[in-house]
Protein backbone atom coordinates (compact mmCIF):
# COMPACT_ATOMS: atom_id res chain seq x y z
CA VAL A 1 -14.70 62.49 -44.61
CA ALA A 2 -14.62 63.77 -48.18
CA SER A 3 -14.43 67.48 -47.32
CA GLN A 4 -11.85 69.10 -45.07
CA LYS A 5 -14.17 72.05 -44.53
CA TYR A 6 -16.97 69.68 -43.42
CA ALA A 7 -14.60 67.85 -41.08
CA GLU A 8 -13.49 71.11 -39.47
CA HIS A 9 -17.10 72.24 -39.09
CA LYS A 10 -18.00 68.94 -37.38
CA GLY A 11 -14.88 69.01 -35.18
CA ILE A 12 -13.40 65.92 -36.82
CA LYS A 13 -9.62 65.84 -36.65
CA SER A 14 -8.19 63.73 -39.44
CA LYS A 15 -5.04 63.83 -41.56
CA ILE A 16 -6.96 62.49 -44.57
CA ALA A 17 -10.10 64.65 -44.43
CA GLY A 18 -10.70 66.12 -47.87
CA LYS A 19 -8.16 63.83 -49.53
CA VAL A 20 -10.35 60.83 -50.35
CA ASP A 21 -9.52 58.94 -53.56
CA LEU A 22 -11.47 55.78 -52.81
CA THR A 23 -14.79 54.87 -51.29
CA LEU A 24 -15.84 51.39 -50.23
CA VAL A 25 -19.44 50.27 -50.30
CA PRO A 26 -21.07 47.18 -48.76
CA ASN A 27 -22.71 45.94 -51.96
CA ILE A 28 -23.21 46.74 -55.63
CA GLU A 29 -26.59 48.38 -55.11
CA CYS A 30 -25.20 50.89 -52.61
CA GLY A 31 -22.22 51.47 -54.88
CA ASN A 32 -24.49 52.17 -57.82
CA VAL A 33 -26.51 54.78 -55.93
CA HIS A 34 -23.38 56.33 -54.42
CA CYS A 35 -21.57 56.63 -57.75
CA LYS A 36 -24.56 57.93 -59.69
CA THR A 37 -25.10 60.59 -57.03
CA LEU A 38 -21.48 61.72 -57.27
CA VAL A 39 -21.50 61.72 -61.08
CA HIS A 40 -24.82 63.48 -61.61
CA TYR A 41 -24.76 65.98 -58.73
CA CYS A 42 -21.05 66.53 -58.10
CA HIS A 43 -19.74 66.04 -61.65
CA ALA A 44 -17.27 63.44 -60.40
CA GLN A 45 -15.27 61.15 -62.65
CA MET A 46 -15.56 57.45 -61.84
CA ALA A 47 -13.68 54.25 -62.43
CA GLY A 48 -15.52 51.03 -61.64
CA LEU A 49 -13.73 47.87 -60.55
CA VAL A 50 -14.59 44.73 -58.66
CA LEU A 51 -11.67 43.37 -56.67
CA GLY A 52 -11.18 39.97 -55.10
CA ALA A 53 -10.91 37.78 -58.19
CA MET A 54 -7.62 36.70 -59.74
CA VAL A 55 -7.69 39.90 -61.79
CA PRO A 56 -9.67 43.14 -61.41
CA ILE A 57 -13.06 43.13 -63.14
CA VAL A 58 -13.97 46.34 -64.97
CA LEU A 59 -17.54 47.28 -64.11
CA VAL A 60 -19.06 50.14 -66.07
CA SER A 61 -22.57 51.18 -67.02
CA ARG A 62 -23.82 51.38 -70.60
CA SER A 63 -24.55 55.04 -69.95
CA ASP A 64 -21.06 55.85 -68.63
CA PRO A 65 -19.12 58.39 -70.67
CA PRO A 66 -16.04 57.18 -72.57
CA GLU A 67 -13.77 58.85 -69.98
CA SER A 68 -15.19 56.69 -67.20
CA LYS A 69 -14.69 53.52 -69.24
CA PHE A 70 -11.11 54.55 -70.00
CA LEU A 71 -10.39 55.36 -66.34
CA SER A 72 -11.80 51.97 -65.31
CA MET A 73 -9.58 50.10 -67.76
CA ALA A 74 -6.52 52.17 -66.82
CA LEU A 75 -7.05 51.54 -63.11
CA ALA A 76 -7.53 47.81 -63.74
CA CYS A 77 -4.22 47.73 -65.63
CA ILE A 78 -2.42 49.53 -62.81
CA ILE A 79 -3.86 47.25 -60.14
CA SER A 80 -3.31 44.03 -62.10
CA GLY A 81 0.36 44.96 -62.54
CA GLY A 82 0.81 44.43 -58.82
CA MET A 83 -0.99 41.06 -58.77
CA LYS A 84 1.25 38.06 -59.10
């Protein structure tokens, strides 16, 4: 649950409610809709990666702001540092 206030309202007891740094989606289409909703309506900052290959794959949109592209590359560097 992304909001601690929402979790409390719904009676959800969770140590991580409101502290979400990562969301997983079942496919790229769902991820695209999810991320665009967060960016356009919630003013979220995004970093796009595909995991599962030998190295992380940076996945950004042509319309992404420079900050999002930078965050994606930075996250890929951090993650790839742990891949051996």
